[in-house]
C-alpha atoms as a PDB file:
ATOM      1  CA  UNK A   1      80.286  -4.804-185.050  1.00  0.00           C
ATOM      2  CA  UNK A   2      79.871  -6.593-181.838  1.00  0.00           C
ATOM      3  CA  UNK A   3      80.107  -4.801-178.553  1.00  0.00           C
ATOM      4  CA  UNK A   4      83.344  -5.351-176.650  1.00  0.00           C
ATOM      5  CA  UNK A   5      83.384  -4.915-172.905  1.00  0.00           C
ATOM      6  CA  UNK A   6      86.514  -3.434-171.404  1.00  0.00           C
ATOM      7  CA  UNK A   7      88.565  -5.547-169.067  1.00  0.00           C
ATOM      8  CA  UNK A   8      89.333  -4.987-165.439  1.00  0.00           C
ATOM      9  CA  UNK A   9      92.778  -3.392-165.978  1.00  0.00           C
ATOM     10  CA  UNK A  10      91.522   0.140-166.643  1.00  0.00           C
ATOM     11  CA  UNK A  11      89.131  -0.107-163.717  1.00  0.00           C
ATOM     12  CA  UNK A  12      91.983  -1.278-161.499  1.00  0.00           C
ATOM     13  CA  UNK A  13      94.173   1.651-162.589  1.00  0.00           C
ATOM     14  CA  UNK A  14      91.425   4.189-161.913  1.00  0.00           C
ATOM     15  CA  UNK A  15      90.656   2.689-158.519  1.00  0.00           C
ATOM     16  CA  UNK A  16      94.344   2.960-157.586  1.00  0.00           C
ATOM     17  CA  UNK A  17      94.396   6.669-158.516  1.00  0.00           C
ATOM     18  CA  UNK A  18      91.136   7.236-156.639  1.00  0.00           C
ATOM     19  CA  UNK A  19      92.681   5.896-153.445  1.00  0.00           C
ATOM     20  CA  UNK A  20      95.212   8.754-153.533  1.00  0.00           C
ATOM     21  CA  UNK A  21      92.553  11.424-154.033  1.00  0.00           C
ATOM     22  CA  UNK A  22      89.831   9.938-151.834  1.00  0.00           C
ATOM     23  CA  UNK A  23      90.279  12.692-149.254  1.00  0.00           C
ATOM     24  CA  UNK A  24      89.838  15.508-151.792  1.00  0.00           C
ATOM     25  CA  UNK A  25      86.574  17.439-151.862  1.00  0.00           C
ATOM     26  CA  UNK A  26      83.820  17.282-154.447  1.00  0.00           C
ATOM     27  CA  UNK A  27      84.591  16.583-158.094  1.00  0.00           C
ATOM     28  CA  UNK A  28      88.316  16.374-157.417  1.00  0.00           C
ATOM     29  CA  UNK A  29      87.839  12.967-155.832  1.00  0.00           C
ATOM     30  CA  UNK A  30      85.173  11.585-158.177  1.00  0.00           C
ATOM     31  CA  UNK A  31      85.688  12.419-161.856  1.00  0.00           C
ATOM     32  CA  UNK A  32      88.155  10.217-163.698  1.00  0.00           C
ATOM     33  CA  UNK A  33      89.518  13.008-165.890  1.00  0.00           C
ATOM     34  CA  UNK A  34      90.098  15.448-163.053  1.00  0.00           C
ATOM     35  CA  UNK A  35      91.609  13.018-160.543  1.00  0.00           C
ATOM     36  CA  UNK A  36      95.042  12.722-162.258  1.00  0.00           C
ATOM     37  CA  UNK A  37      95.274  16.513-162.588  1.00  0.00           C
ATOM     38  CA  UNK A  38      94.562  16.962-158.899  1.00  0.00           C
ATOM     39  CA  UNK A  39      97.056  14.247-158.010  1.00  0.00           C
ATOM     40  CA  UNK A  40      99.795  16.047-159.960  1.00  0.00           C
ATOM     41  CA  UNK A  41      98.832  19.373-158.378  1.00  0.00           C
ATOM     42  CA  UNK A  42      98.938  17.862-154.885  1.00  0.00           C
ATOM     43  CA  UNK A  43     102.352  16.312-155.447  1.00  0.00           C
ATOM     44  CA  UNK A  44     103.749  19.575-156.849  1.00  0.00           C
ATOM     45  CA  UNK A  45     102.407  21.500-153.860  1.00  0.00           C
ATOM     46  CA  UNK A  46     103.856  18.986-151.429  1.00  0.00           C
ATOM     47  CA  UNK A  47     107.272  19.202-153.075  1.00  0.00           C
ATOM     48  CA  UNK A  48     107.238  23.017-153.085  1.00  0.00           C
ATOM     49  CA  UNK A  49     106.014  23.305-149.511  1.00  0.00           C
ATOM     50  CA  UNK A  50     108.734  21.072-148.110  1.00  0.00           C
ATOM     51  CA  UNK A  51     111.199  23.823-149.063  1.00  0.00           C
ATOM     52  CA  UNK A  52     108.889  26.537-147.776  1.00  0.00           C
ATOM     53  CA  UNK A  53     108.647  24.770-144.436  1.00  0.00           C
ATOM     54  CA  UNK A  54     112.425  24.903-144.038  1.00  0.00           C
ATOM     55  CA  UNK A  55     112.399  28.597-144.934  1.00  0.00           C
ATOM     56  CA  UNK A  56     109.568  29.317-142.498  1.00  0.00           C
ATOM     57  CA  UNK A  57     111.278  27.577-139.589  1.00  0.00           C
ATOM     58  CA  UNK A  58     114.566  29.369-140.235  1.00  0.00           C
ATOM     59  CA  UNK A  59     112.705  32.700-140.058  1.00  0.00           C
ATOM     60  CA  UNK A  60     110.983  31.584-136.860  1.00  0.00           C
ATOM     61  CA  UNK A  61     114.289  30.693-135.202  1.00  0.00           C
ATOM     62  CA  UNK A  62     115.789  34.023-136.210  1.00  0.00           C
ATOM     63  CA  UNK A  63     112.768  35.876-134.788  1.00  0.00           C
ATOM     64  CA  UNK A  64     113.046  34.013-131.486  1.00  0.00           C
ATOM     65  CA  UNK A  65     116.762  34.722-131.151  1.00  0.00           C
ATOM     66  CA  UNK A  66     116.243  38.372-132.033  1.00  0.00           C
ATOM     67  CA  UNK A  67     113.411  38.699-129.503  1.00  0.00           C
ATOM     68  CA  UNK A  68     115.527  37.360-126.647  1.00  0.00           C
ATOM     69  CA  UNK A  69     118.519  39.479-127.654  1.00  0.00           C
ATOM     70  CA  UNK A  70     116.432  42.639-127.916  1.00  0.00           C
ATOM     71  CA  UNK A  71     114.735  42.153-124.540  1.00  0.00           C
ATOM     72  CA  UNK A  72     117.727  42.745-122.344  1.00  0.00           C
ATOM     73  CA  UNK A  73     119.780  45.533-123.870  1.00  0.00           C
ATOM     74  CA  UNK A  74     121.438  46.466-120.562  1.00  0.00           C
ATOM     75  CA  UNK A  75     123.164  43.185-119.791  1.00  0.00           C
ATOM     76  CA  UNK A  76     123.815  42.170-123.349  1.00  0.00           C
ATOM     77  CA  UNK A  77     126.157  43.847-125.815  1.00  0.00           C
ATOM     78  CA  UNK A  78     124.859  42.271-129.039  1.00  0.00           C
ATOM     79  CA  UNK A  79     121.375  43.720-129.130  1.00  0.00           C
ATOM     80  CA  UNK A  80     121.220  43.203-132.892  1.00  0.00           C
ATOM     81  CA  UNK A  81     120.833  39.714-134.312  1.00  0.00           C
ATOM     82  CA  UNK A  82     123.250  40.197-137.192  1.00  0.00           C
ATOM     83  CA  UNK A  83     126.035  41.335-134.852  1.00  0.00           C
ATOM     84  CA  UNK A  84     125.408  38.338-132.599  1.00  0.00           C
ATOM     85  CA  UNK A  85     125.621  35.853-135.484  1.00  0.00           C
ATOM     86  CA  UNK A  86     128.689  37.580-136.889  1.00  0.00           C
ATOM     87  CA  UNK A  87     130.479  37.172-133.581  1.00  0.00           C
ATOM     88  CA  UNK A  88     129.472  33.506-133.372  1.00  0.00           C
ATOM     89  CA  UNK A  89     131.045  32.925-136.779  1.00  0.00           C
ATOM     90  CA  UNK A  90     134.084  35.019-135.944  1.00  0.00           C
ATOM     91  CA  UNK A  91     134.797  32.890-132.853  1.00  0.00           C
ATOM     92  CA  UNK A  92     134.045  29.725-134.865  1.00  0.00           C
ATOM     93  CA  UNK A  93     131.254  28.552-132.588  1.00  0.00           C
ATOM     94  CA  UNK A  94     129.397  26.022-134.698  1.00  0.00           C
ATOM     95  CA  UNK A  95     125.851  26.425-133.454  1.00  0.00           C
ATOM     96  CA  UNK A  96     123.024  26.443-135.923  1.00  0.00           C
ATOM     97  CA  UNK A  97     120.037  28.737-135.553  1.00  0.00           C
ATOM     98  CA  UNK A  98     117.731  25.986-134.326  1.00  0.00           C
ATOM     99  CA  UNK A  99     119.967  25.169-131.373  1.00  0.00           C
ATOM    100  CA  UNK A 100     120.590  28.836-130.554  1.00  0.00           C
ATOM    101  CA  UNK A 101     116.825  29.486-130.635  1.00  0.00           C
ATOM    102  CA  UNK A 102     116.191  26.595-128.238  1.00  0.00           C
ATOM    103  CA  UNK A 103     118.881  27.876-125.906  1.00  0.00           C
ATOM    104  CA  UNK A 104     117.377  31.371-126.142  1.00  0.00           C
ATOM    105  CA  UNK A 105     113.923  30.126-125.168  1.00  0.00           C
ATOM    106  CA  UNK A 106     114.728  27.606-122.444  1.00  0.00           C
ATOM    107  CA  UNK A 107     118.051  28.840-121.029  1.00  0.00           C
ATOM    108  CA  UNK A 108     118.484  32.557-121.538  1.00  0.00           C
ATOM    109  CA  UNK A 109     121.468  32.667-119.158  1.00  0.00           C
ATOM    110  CA  UNK A 110     123.314  30.121-121.312  1.00  0.00           C
ATOM    111  CA  UNK A 111     122.733  32.294-124.357  1.00  0.00           C
ATOM    112  CA  UNK A 112     124.194  35.263-122.522  1.00  0.00           C
ATOM    113  CA  UNK A 113     127.182  33.168-121.438  1.00  0.00           C
ATOM    114  CA  UNK A 114     127.740  32.137-125.071  1.00  0.00           C
ATOM    115  CA  UNK A 115     127.367  35.723-126.202  1.00  0.00           C
ATOM    116  CA  UNK A 116     129.706  37.135-123.573  1.00  0.00           C
ATOM    117  CA  UNK A 117     132.227  34.430-124.368  1.00  0.00           C
ATOM    118  CA  UNK A 118     132.223  35.583-127.997  1.00  0.00           C
ATOM    119  CA  UNK A 119     133.412  39.097-127.094  1.00  0.00           C
END
């Protein structure tokens, strides 16, 4: 049988996949068999970590609010985060945790005004 040389299509496909993994280290960016596996793994990790990022930031906001609330127990009735949030919901103040955390950091007095208004 005569020798048949492969066309450029397969080479083009592999080059396209290599562009995605060019920043990976070592074999993960060079070997044709391993590159698609690493691409799938990277995409799965990216998808999973988008949700984790949301979870992480929510925890960060809660920690910031709790820290500001816990600092000044004398002037502030709601020294527990859960009680503070409960009273916000009870008074139907529609502030999400991100906004409340920003208010807590930059304008503590405003947070206390909001909190005292929820009594």
